Protein backbone atom coordinates (compact mmCIF):
# COMPACT_ATOMS: atom_id res chain seq x y z
CA UNK A 1 91.40 42.16 133.65
CA UNK A 2 87.64 42.27 133.94
CA UNK A 3 85.93 44.32 131.22
CA UNK A 4 82.28 45.39 131.29
CA UNK A 5 81.13 46.41 127.81
CA UNK A 6 78.00 48.59 127.97
CA UNK A 7 75.90 49.05 124.83
CA UNK A 8 72.32 49.84 123.91
CA UNK A 9 72.21 46.87 121.51
CA UNK A 10 74.27 43.75 120.89
CA UNK A 11 74.27 40.63 118.79
CA UNK A 12 72.87 38.01 119.04
CA UNK A 13 69.93 39.62 120.84
CA UNK A 14 68.96 42.75 118.94
CA UNK A 15 70.60 44.84 116.24
CA UNK A 16 69.76 48.01 114.33
CA UNK A 17 73.28 48.91 113.17
CA UNK A 18 77.01 48.42 113.44
CA UNK A 19 77.13 48.95 117.21
CA UNK A 20 75.40 45.60 117.76
CA UNK A 21 77.96 43.85 115.57
CA UNK A 22 80.81 45.39 117.57
CA UNK A 23 79.19 44.54 120.91
CA UNK A 24 78.68 40.99 119.73
CA UNK A 25 82.16 40.43 118.27
CA UNK A 26 84.73 42.48 120.22
CA UNK A 27 83.94 40.99 123.66
CA UNK A 28 84.23 37.47 122.22
CA UNK A 29 87.66 38.34 120.83
CA UNK A 30 88.71 39.89 124.15
CA UNK A 31 87.83 36.62 125.89
CA UNK A 32 89.83 34.67 123.31
CA UNK A 33 92.80 36.92 124.10
CA UNK A 34 92.59 36.13 127.82
CA UNK A 35 90.35 38.88 129.27
CA UNK A 36 87.23 38.31 131.32
CA UNK A 37 84.57 40.27 129.45
CA UNK A 38 80.85 40.86 130.06
CA UNK A 39 78.30 42.74 128.00
CA UNK A 40 75.45 44.69 129.59
CA UNK A 41 72.45 45.94 127.59
CA UNK A 42 68.71 46.61 127.98
CA UNK A 43 66.29 43.68 127.93
CA UNK A 44 64.04 44.54 124.95
CA UNK A 45 61.39 41.90 125.57
CA UNK A 46 59.42 42.51 122.39
CA UNK A 47 62.48 42.69 120.13
CA UNK A 48 64.43 39.67 121.40
CA UNK A 49 63.39 36.26 120.09
CA UNK A 50 61.59 33.82 122.35
CA UNK A 51 64.39 31.29 121.85
CA UNK A 52 67.01 33.78 123.08
CA UNK A 53 64.84 34.78 126.02
CA UNK A 54 64.65 31.15 127.16
CA UNK A 55 68.43 31.11 127.65
CA UNK A 56 68.28 33.95 130.19
CA UNK A 57 68.44 33.30 133.94
CA UNK A 58 67.18 35.70 136.59
CA UNK A 59 69.98 37.10 138.80
CA UNK A 60 68.56 39.80 141.07
CA UNK A 61 66.23 42.78 141.34
CA UNK A 62 66.46 46.21 142.95
CA UNK A 63 65.30 49.79 142.48
CA UNK A 64 67.17 52.48 140.55
CA UNK A 65 66.91 56.21 141.32
CA UNK A 66 65.55 58.19 138.35
CA UNK A 67 65.18 61.83 139.32
CA UNK A 68 62.87 62.02 142.35
CA UNK A 69 61.56 58.44 142.02
CA UNK A 70 62.79 54.87 142.06
CA UNK A 71 62.19 52.42 139.21
CA UNK A 72 62.24 48.62 139.23
CA UNK A 73 65.25 46.89 137.69
CA UNK A 74 65.61 43.18 137.09
CA UNK A 75 68.88 41.60 135.97
CA UNK A 76 69.07 38.52 133.75
CA UNK A 77 72.15 36.83 132.36
CA UNK A 78 73.42 34.16 130.01
CA UNK A 79 76.83 33.04 128.74
CA UNK A 80 77.63 32.78 125.04
CA UNK A 81 81.09 31.87 123.68
CA UNK A 82 82.66 32.66 127.04
CA UNK A 83 81.06 36.12 127.26
CA UNK A 84 78.57 36.82 130.06
CA UNK A 85 75.61 38.90 128.90
CA UNK A 86 73.64 40.91 131.48
CA UNK A 87 70.24 42.20 130.37
CA UNK A 88 68.58 45.03 132.31
CA UNK A 89 64.83 44.55 132.67
CA UNK A 90 62.18 47.22 133.06
CA UNK A 91 59.08 46.63 130.96
CA UNK A 92 57.92 50.25 130.98
CA UNK A 93 61.19 51.43 129.46
CA UNK A 94 62.21 48.52 127.24
CA UNK A 95 59.20 46.33 126.36
CA UNK A 96 57.94 48.59 123.59
CA UNK A 97 56.24 47.71 120.36
CA UNK A 98 58.02 49.76 117.71
CA UNK A 99 61.76 49.23 117.82
CA UNK A 100 64.27 50.20 120.47
CA UNK A 101 64.92 53.90 119.75
CA UNK A 102 62.99 57.00 118.77
CA UNK A 103 60.66 57.46 121.75
CA UNK A 104 59.79 60.78 123.41
CA UNK A 105 61.41 59.65 126.67
CA UNK A 106 64.65 58.18 125.30
CA UNK A 107 66.64 60.45 127.61
CA UNK A 108 64.87 58.96 130.64
CA UNK A 109 65.07 55.39 129.33
CA UNK A 110 68.82 55.48 128.84
CA UNK A 111 69.44 57.51 131.99
CA UNK A 112 67.74 54.64 133.82
CA UNK A 113 69.85 52.12 131.95
CA UNK A 114 73.10 53.98 132.67
CA UNK A 115 72.37 54.19 136.39
CA UNK A 116 71.21 50.56 136.39
CA UNK A 117 74.56 49.44 134.97
CA UNK A 118 76.37 50.89 137.99
CA UNK A 119 73.76 49.60 140.44
CA UNK A 120 74.12 46.12 138.90
CA UNK A 121 77.82 46.20 139.76
CA UNK A 122 76.92 47.02 143.38
CA UNK A 123 74.22 44.39 143.73
CA UNK A 124 76.02 41.52 142.00
CA UNK A 125 79.45 42.23 143.45
CA UNK A 126 80.95 41.66 139.99
CA UNK A 127 83.25 44.70 139.92
CA UNK A 128 85.04 45.27 136.61
CA UNK A 129 88.41 46.90 136.16
CA UNK A 130 87.24 48.74 133.04
CA UNK A 131 83.80 49.91 131.91
CA UNK A 132 83.68 50.58 128.17
CA UNK A 133 80.54 52.60 127.39
CA UNK A 134 79.33 53.13 123.84
CA UNK A 135 77.59 56.10 122.20
CA UNK A 136 75.21 58.63 123.70
CA UNK A 137 72.80 56.03 125.09
CA UNK A 138 75.54 54.96 127.54
CA UNK A 139 77.22 58.35 127.92
CA UNK A 140 75.78 58.90 131.40
CA UNK A 141 77.58 55.83 132.79
CA UNK A 142 80.92 57.64 133.25
CA UNK A 143 79.02 60.79 134.32
CA UNK A 144 77.07 58.99 137.06
CA UNK A 145 80.21 57.11 138.06
CA UNK A 146 82.00 60.39 138.69
CA UNK A 147 79.09 61.96 140.56
CA UNK A 148 77.85 59.05 142.69
CA UNK A 149 80.18 56.02 142.63
CA UNK A 150 83.81 57.08 142.25
CA UNK A 151 84.47 57.15 145.98
CA UNK A 152 82.61 54.00 146.94
CA UNK A 153 85.25 51.62 148.26
CA UNK A 154 84.60 48.62 146.00
CA UNK A 155 84.33 50.74 142.85
CA UNK A 156 87.03 53.35 143.28
CA UNK A 157 89.54 51.56 141.04
CA UNK A 158 87.19 51.28 138.04
CA UNK A 159 88.39 53.10 134.90
CA UNK A 160 86.03 54.40 132.23
CA UNK A 161 86.45 54.23 128.45
CA UNK A 162 83.93 55.93 126.18
CA UNK A 163 83.66 54.88 122.52
CA UNK A 164 82.22 57.13 119.81
CA UNK A 165 80.72 55.15 116.94
CA UNK A 166 79.21 58.19 115.24
CA UNK A 167 79.63 61.68 116.66
CA UNK A 168 76.56 62.93 114.80
CA UNK A 169 74.33 61.29 117.43
CA UNK A 170 75.03 63.06 120.72
CA UNK A 171 71.92 62.88 122.92
CA UNK A 172 70.85 66.53 122.96
CA UNK A 173 68.00 67.56 125.27
CA UNK A 174 66.51 70.58 127.00
CA UNK A 175 68.03 71.81 130.24
CA UNK A 176 64.78 71.18 132.13
CA UNK A 177 65.62 67.44 132.26
CA UNK A 178 68.74 67.99 134.36
CA UNK A 179 67.53 67.11 137.87
CA UNK A 180 64.05 65.58 137.63
CA UNK A 181 64.88 63.14 134.81
CA UNK A 182 68.67 62.79 134.63
CA UNK A 183 69.41 62.99 138.38
CA UNK A 184 72.31 65.39 137.84
CA UNK A 185 72.70 67.96 140.65
CA UNK A 186 72.56 71.55 139.46
CA UNK A 187 76.07 72.24 140.78
CA UNK A 188 77.35 69.50 138.41
CA UNK A 189 75.45 70.83 135.38
CA UNK A 190 78.66 71.99 133.71
CA UNK A 191 79.50 68.36 132.94
CA UNK A 192 76.65 68.01 130.43
CA UNK A 193 75.85 71.63 129.52
CA UNK A 194 76.76 72.61 125.95
CA UNK A 195 75.48 75.58 123.97
CA UNK A 196 72.67 76.10 126.47
CA UNK A 197 71.35 72.55 126.26
CA UNK A 198 72.15 69.16 127.74
CA UNK A 199 74.52 67.11 125.59
CA UNK A 200 75.01 63.62 127.01
CA UNK A 201 77.98 62.75 124.81
CA UNK A 202 79.74 65.92 125.93
CA UNK A 203 79.39 64.73 129.52
CA UNK A 204 81.12 61.46 128.73
CA UNK A 205 83.92 63.28 126.91
CA UNK A 206 84.52 65.41 130.00
CA UNK A 207 84.86 62.60 132.54
CA UNK A 208 85.96 59.44 130.70
CA UNK A 209 89.54 58.32 131.36
CA UNK A 210 89.97 57.48 127.67
CA UNK A 211 87.97 58.26 124.51
CA UNK A 212 88.10 55.89 121.56
CA UNK A 213 86.62 55.93 118.09
CA UNK A 214 86.20 53.16 115.55
CA UNK A 215 89.14 54.07 113.31
CA UNK A 216 92.37 56.00 113.74
CA UNK A 217 91.53 58.48 110.97
CA UNK A 218 88.13 59.22 112.52
CA UNK A 219 89.90 59.86 115.83
CA UNK A 220 91.72 62.69 114.07
CA UNK A 221 88.74 63.89 112.03
CA UNK A 222 86.45 64.54 115.02
CA UNK A 223 88.70 67.45 116.04
CA UNK A 224 87.83 69.13 112.72
CA UNK A 225 84.59 71.18 112.74
CA UNK A 226 83.69 69.60 109.36
CA UNK A 227 83.31 66.20 111.06
CA UNK A 228 82.66 67.07 114.72
CA UNK A 229 78.97 68.04 114.35
CA UNK A 230 79.44 70.93 116.78
CA UNK A 231 81.49 69.10 119.43
CA UNK A 232 84.91 70.29 118.26
CA UNK A 233 85.09 72.90 121.06
CA UNK A 234 84.34 70.24 123.68
CA UNK A 235 87.03 68.00 122.21
CA UNK A 236 89.70 70.63 121.60
CA UNK A 237 91.59 69.92 124.84
CA UNK A 238 91.09 66.14 124.86
CA UNK A 239 93.51 64.89 122.21
CA UNK A 240 95.72 63.50 124.97
CA UNK A 241 93.13 60.87 125.87
CA UNK A 242 91.65 60.12 122.43
CA UNK A 243 92.60 57.30 120.07
CA UNK A 244 90.98 55.16 117.39
CA UNK A 245 90.96 51.43 116.66
CA UNK A 246 89.52 50.08 113.42
CA UNK A 247 86.61 47.71 113.89
CA UNK A 248 86.84 44.18 112.56
CA UNK A 249 84.32 41.82 111.03
CA UNK A 250 83.25 38.32 111.99
CA UNK A 251 85.19 36.17 109.53
CA UNK A 252 82.97 33.15 110.18
CA UNK A 253 79.76 35.06 109.51
CA UNK A 254 81.18 36.58 106.32
CA UNK A 255 82.90 33.71 104.57
CA UNK A 256 82.32 32.93 100.87
CA UNK A 257 83.62 29.41 101.47
CA UNK A 258 80.72 28.59 103.82
CA UNK A 259 77.99 31.15 103.02
CA UNK A 260 74.68 29.36 102.36
CA UNK A 261 73.04 32.47 100.88
CA UNK A 262 75.24 32.57 97.75
CA UNK A 263 74.91 30.52 94.58
CA UNK A 264 78.29 28.79 94.76
CA UNK A 265 80.86 28.80 97.51
CA UNK A 266 84.36 30.03 96.67
CA UNK A 267 87.65 30.94 98.32
CA UNK A 268 90.89 32.74 97.59
CA UNK A 269 92.37 29.42 96.43
CA UNK A 270 89.39 28.58 94.24
CA UNK A 271 87.74 31.76 92.97
CA UNK A 272 85.80 30.25 90.08
CA UNK A 273 82.57 30.22 92.07
CA UNK A 274 82.46 34.02 92.04
CA UNK A 275 81.52 33.97 88.34
CA UNK A 276 78.55 31.73 89.16
CA UNK A 277 77.58 34.13 91.97
CA UNK A 278 77.65 37.03 89.49
CA UNK A 279 75.31 35.22 87.10
CA UNK A 280 72.97 34.32 89.96
CA UNK A 281 72.90 37.92 91.17
CA UNK A 282 72.05 39.29 87.73
CA UNK A 283 69.26 36.73 87.36
CA UNK A 284 67.94 37.54 90.84
CA UNK A 285 67.69 41.29 90.14
CA UNK A 286 66.39 40.90 86.58
CA UNK A 287 69.43 41.98 84.59
CA UNK A 288 70.80 40.06 81.59
CA UNK A 289 73.97 38.04 82.07
CA UNK A 290 77.13 39.36 80.46
CA UNK A 291 80.78 40.26 80.86
CA UNK A 292 80.24 43.91 81.83
CA UNK A 293 81.46 44.82 85.31
CA UNK A 294 78.78 45.05 87.97
CA UNK A 295 79.10 47.93 90.41
CA UNK A 296 77.02 47.61 93.58
CA UNK A 297 75.66 49.93 96.26
CA UNK A 298 74.30 48.58 99.55
CA UNK A 299 73.59 51.58 101.74
CA UNK A 300 71.21 53.83 103.53
CA UNK A 301 70.22 56.35 100.90
CA UNK A 302 71.12 59.54 102.75
CA UNK A 303 73.40 62.45 101.92
CA UNK A 304 76.27 61.63 104.28
CA UNK A 305 76.66 58.26 102.52
CA UNK A 306 77.64 60.17 99.36
CA UNK A 307 74.45 59.43 97.45
CA UNK A 308 74.38 63.02 96.12
CA UNK A 309 77.71 62.32 94.37
CA UNK A 310 76.35 59.11 92.87
CA UNK A 311 73.24 60.89 91.61
CA UNK A 312 75.30 63.57 89.90
CA UNK A 313 77.27 61.17 87.68
CA UNK A 314 75.17 58.01 87.73
CA UNK A 315 74.33 58.17 84.02
CA UNK A 316 78.05 58.54 83.25
CA UNK A 317 78.79 55.39 85.28
CA UNK A 318 76.23 53.37 83.34
CA UNK A 319 77.30 54.81 79.99
CA UNK A 320 80.91 53.88 80.79
CA UNK A 321 79.87 50.24 80.47
CA UNK A 322 78.77 49.23 83.96
CA UNK A 323 75.72 47.43 85.19
CA UNK A 324 74.54 48.79 88.55
CA UNK A 325 72.78 46.98 91.39
CA UNK A 326 71.45 49.18 94.21
CA UNK A 327 69.96 47.94 97.50
CA UNK A 328 68.85 50.42 100.13
CA UNK A 329 66.29 52.86 101.44
CA UNK A 330 66.33 56.32 102.95
CA UNK A 331 65.44 59.79 101.77
CA UNK A 332 62.54 59.85 99.34
CA UNK A 333 64.39 61.96 96.77
CA UNK A 334 67.14 59.34 96.45
CA UNK A 335 64.72 56.43 96.32
CA UNK A 336 62.82 58.21 93.53
CA UNK A 337 66.06 58.87 91.67
CA UNK A 338 67.07 55.21 91.60
CA UNK A 339 63.56 54.13 90.58
CA UNK A 340 63.78 56.57 87.67
CA UNK A 341 67.33 55.47 86.81
CA UNK A 342 66.12 51.86 86.60
CA UNK A 343 63.47 52.95 84.11
CA UNK A 344 65.95 55.08 82.11
CA UNK A 345 68.48 52.25 81.81
CA UNK A 346 66.55 49.00 81.28
CA UNK A 347 68.78 45.95 81.44
CA UNK A 348 71.58 47.94 83.05
CA UNK A 349 70.26 49.15 86.42
CA UNK A 350 68.38 47.32 89.16
CA UNK A 351 67.11 49.03 92.31
CA UNK A 352 65.64 47.17 95.29
CA UNK A 353 64.20 49.53 97.87
CA UNK A 354 64.71 48.33 101.44
CA UNK A 355 67.16 45.93 102.99
CA UNK A 356 67.13 42.20 102.22
CA UNK A 357 69.95 40.40 104.10
CA UNK A 358 70.24 37.42 101.74
CA UNK A 359 70.22 39.71 98.70
CA UNK A 360 72.96 41.81 100.32
CA UNK A 361 75.10 38.68 100.61
CA UNK A 362 74.43 37.82 96.98
CA UNK A 363 75.54 41.33 96.03
CA UNK A 364 78.76 41.10 98.05
CA UNK A 365 79.54 37.77 96.39
CA UNK A 366 78.40 38.54 92.84
CA UNK A 367 79.34 42.16 92.16
CA UNK A 368 82.72 43.19 90.78
CA UNK A 369 82.99 46.59 92.50
CA UNK A 370 81.41 48.07 95.61
CA UNK A 371 80.80 51.85 95.67
CA UNK A 372 81.02 53.65 99.03
CA UNK A 373 81.69 57.42 98.56
CA UNK A 374 80.75 58.55 102.07
CA UNK A 375 80.99 62.17 103.17
CA UNK A 376 82.00 60.76 106.56
CA UNK A 377 82.41 57.15 107.67
CA UNK A 378 83.60 56.51 111.24
CA UNK A 379 84.55 52.94 110.37
CA UNK A 380 82.33 51.18 107.86
CA UNK A 381 81.95 47.41 107.62
CA UNK A 382 80.60 47.01 104.09
CA UNK A 383 83.97 47.69 102.46
CA UNK A 384 85.60 44.99 104.62
CA UNK A 385 82.85 42.50 103.82
CA UNK A 386 83.13 43.23 100.10
CA UNK A 387 86.90 42.56 100.24
CA UNK A 388 86.18 39.26 101.96
CA UNK A 389 84.04 38.27 98.95
CA UNK A 390 86.53 39.53 96.35
CA UNK A 391 84.41 42.54 95.40
CA UNK A 392 86.65 45.58 94.99
CA UNK A 393 85.70 48.74 96.92
CA UNK A 394 85.66 52.22 95.38
CA UNK A 395 85.64 54.55 98.38
CA UNK A 396 86.34 58.09 99.50
CA UNK A 397 89.44 58.26 101.70
CA UNK A 398 87.77 59.28 104.95
CA UNK A 399 87.51 57.68 108.40
CA UNK A 400 87.61 53.91 108.42
CA UNK A 401 87.46 53.78 104.62
CA UNK A 402 90.88 55.44 104.47
CA UNK A 403 92.26 53.09 107.13
CA UNK A 404 90.98 49.89 105.52
CA UNK A 405 91.35 50.39 101.76
CA UNK A 406 94.74 50.84 100.04
CA UNK A 407 94.55 52.43 96.61
CA UNK A 408 95.65 50.37 93.62
CA UNK A 409 98.25 52.96 92.72
CA UNK A 410 100.81 50.42 93.89
CA UNK A 411 101.05 46.64 93.88
CA UNK A 412 99.75 46.30 97.45
CA UNK A 413 96.43 48.03 96.73
CA UNK A 414 93.06 46.50 97.57
CA UNK A 415 90.69 49.04 96.04
CA UNK A 416 90.23 52.47 94.49
CA UNK A 417 90.09 55.67 96.53
CA UNK A 418 89.52 59.37 95.99
CA UNK A 419 90.06 62.18 98.47
CA UNK A 420 88.00 65.25 97.60
CA UNK A 421 84.26 65.09 98.13
CA UNK A 422 83.60 65.63 94.45
CA UNK A 423 81.50 63.59 92.01
CA UNK A 424 84.01 63.75 89.17
CA UNK A 425 86.90 62.67 91.38
CA UNK A 426 84.75 59.68 92.32
CA UNK A 427 84.01 59.07 88.63
CA UNK A 428 87.74 59.08 87.84
CA UNK A 429 88.28 56.29 90.39
CA UNK A 430 85.40 54.33 88.87
CA UNK A 431 87.04 54.82 85.45
CA UNK A 432 90.34 53.46 86.81
CA UNK A 433 88.50 50.43 88.18
CA UNK A 434 86.86 49.85 84.79
CA UNK A 435 90.19 49.96 82.98
CA UNK A 436 91.84 47.52 85.38
CA UNK A 437 88.84 45.18 85.16
CA UNK A 438 89.55 44.81 81.43
CA UNK A 439 93.04 43.50 82.27
CA UNK A 440 91.99 40.07 83.51
CA UNK A 441 95.41 39.11 84.89
CA UNK A 442 95.81 42.32 86.91
CA UNK A 443 92.20 42.15 88.10
CA UNK A 444 92.63 38.56 89.26
CA UNK A 445 95.69 39.55 91.28
CA UNK A 446 93.72 42.41 92.84
CA UNK A 447 90.86 40.09 93.82
CA UNK A 448 93.36 37.74 95.44
CA UNK A 449 94.90 40.57 97.49
CA UNK A 450 91.43 41.73 98.50
CA UNK A 451 90.37 38.31 99.74
CA UNK A 452 93.60 37.92 101.73
CA UNK A 453 93.11 41.20 103.62
CA UNK A 454 92.86 40.55 107.38
CA UNK A 455 90.09 42.42 109.17
CA UNK A 456 89.56 39.93 111.96
CA UNK A 457 88.54 41.17 115.39
CA UNK A 458 91.73 39.65 116.79
CA UNK A 459 93.76 42.62 115.55
CA UNK A 460 91.36 45.16 117.07
CA UNK A 461 91.08 43.22 120.34
CA UNK A 462 94.83 43.42 120.90
CA UNK A 463 94.71 47.22 120.51
CA UNK A 464 91.83 47.51 122.99
CA UNK A 465 93.66 45.27 125.45
CA UNK A 466 96.70 47.53 125.22
CA UNK A 467 94.52 50.51 126.12
CA UNK A 468 92.78 48.65 128.95
CA UNK A 469 96.14 47.53 130.35
CA UNK A 470 97.37 51.12 130.36
CA UNK A 471 94.38 52.15 132.47
CA UNK A 472 94.54 49.02 134.63
CA UNK A 473 98.14 49.82 135.52
CA UNK A 474 97.48 53.44 136.49
CA UNK A 475 98.88 53.96 139.97
CA UNK A 476 100.65 50.60 140.03
CA UNK A 477 104.33 50.90 141.06
C-alpha cells in the first residue's frame, strides 16, 4: 500500500504541538511495517532550519486554483528514515514571520495547501492508495477530492481517511468565503455548511471514507455533546465509519537510559539514577532536597487541562506533604495563581512560566508523580512519557488518559485515576498516591510496571495498517 499522510506540521521540520510528533513518528513506523508512506506538509521557509532546508530537492512547479485565481506552487522533497517528505512551497502563504498559524487568511492558506496536495499527486504521478488527512487545516483534502478528483481515471481508487486530533478546532468561517476563497461550488455548499457558517471539519466528516481519532475512548466521547464542541449533530450518523487508535511515543527520543538532558541515566533494570535525577531537579528549581514526594505539572495552563481543579485544592496538596514543580504558561489568571502559590509555600512550590524542553525532561525524570486532570484529552503524550521515566501519572479517566493509564486498584496498575471532573475526587487520588509512596516496596513495584509499559508506535501502526487494508480491499473480489 502507498499511504500519503497530509499534515499542517511534522517533525523534524516544524512543530507546535502533538500533531507534528504523530506526523513524524507514525509514517516511520508504517514504513517499518512494510508500507510505502509519504508525508506532505507546507514549506514554512522562515520556521524550518537552514540545515533542514539544505536537504530538500526541487521536484516540480505548477499553479493551483484558489477561487477565481491561480497561485504558484513549488514541490520539494527529501527522504528521512525511509519516509518521503513533500513540502509545498508558496512564499506568500507560508514564508511568514510569526509562526505558522493564527493569520487572518488561514482559511485561504490551507485551502491552497489542500488543493495543492491533490494537484501534487497529478503532477508527480505518485498516486497513493490512501490519503490520511489530519485536523481542520487538511479537512478540505477529502472535500476537494470528492468535488474535483474522484472521477479522474488515475485517482478514482484513492480512499480518504480523516483524523481528528482535537475536535475543538474545527475551521469555522463565514459563508462569504465559499466560492471566491474556498473554490466550493454553491450547489455543493451543504458539504461544509453548519449552523449557518462554513465548518471545514464538518466537510471532512461528511465525505471521508473513514474517520479516526487518537484514542478509542475519544472516538466514543466525540458523539457526546459534552465533548463534541457542537459537532455532535454532524457526527450522529457516522459511528459506522469512526474508530480510534491510541497514539504512541518515540521510545528512542524519550529514553532515560540515553537521555543527555537528565542528571544520571537509568533504566528499569537499574533505577537508582532516578534518585539522583530527583535531587538535580530540586536543585534546578530552587527547592531543598528531601524525601517528600514531588508532584509535577507540565502543561498549558488553560481550563480544559484541569487547572481549575488544581487551583481549588492546591494548598491541600502541598499541606499533605508534597513538593510541587509546575512548568507551563497560558491564561493569566492561572499563571498569577502559581506565582502566588510559590510565594505562599516557600521551599515547597516552584513555578517556571513558559516551556523549557530540557527542564521538562528533568521533571519527567526527577518527579515522583505527574498530575494531568484534564477536562478532555483526545490522547495525551505527557502521561506516556512520564511512565517511560518511572514518574507515576495521576489522571482523570477521559480520552487517551483512560486508555493509557490503569488504576493501581489492582496489581497491574500503572497510575492513579479518577472519573468525575471534581477537585476533591482528584485530591483523593493524590492522597492514594501519597500513601502508596510511603510503602517503598509497593512503590518500587509500581515504578517497574510503569517503565515496562509499551507505548511504542509499532502497536498503533499495526492498527492503522488494518484500517488502511480494509479500505484498500474495498471492491476487491
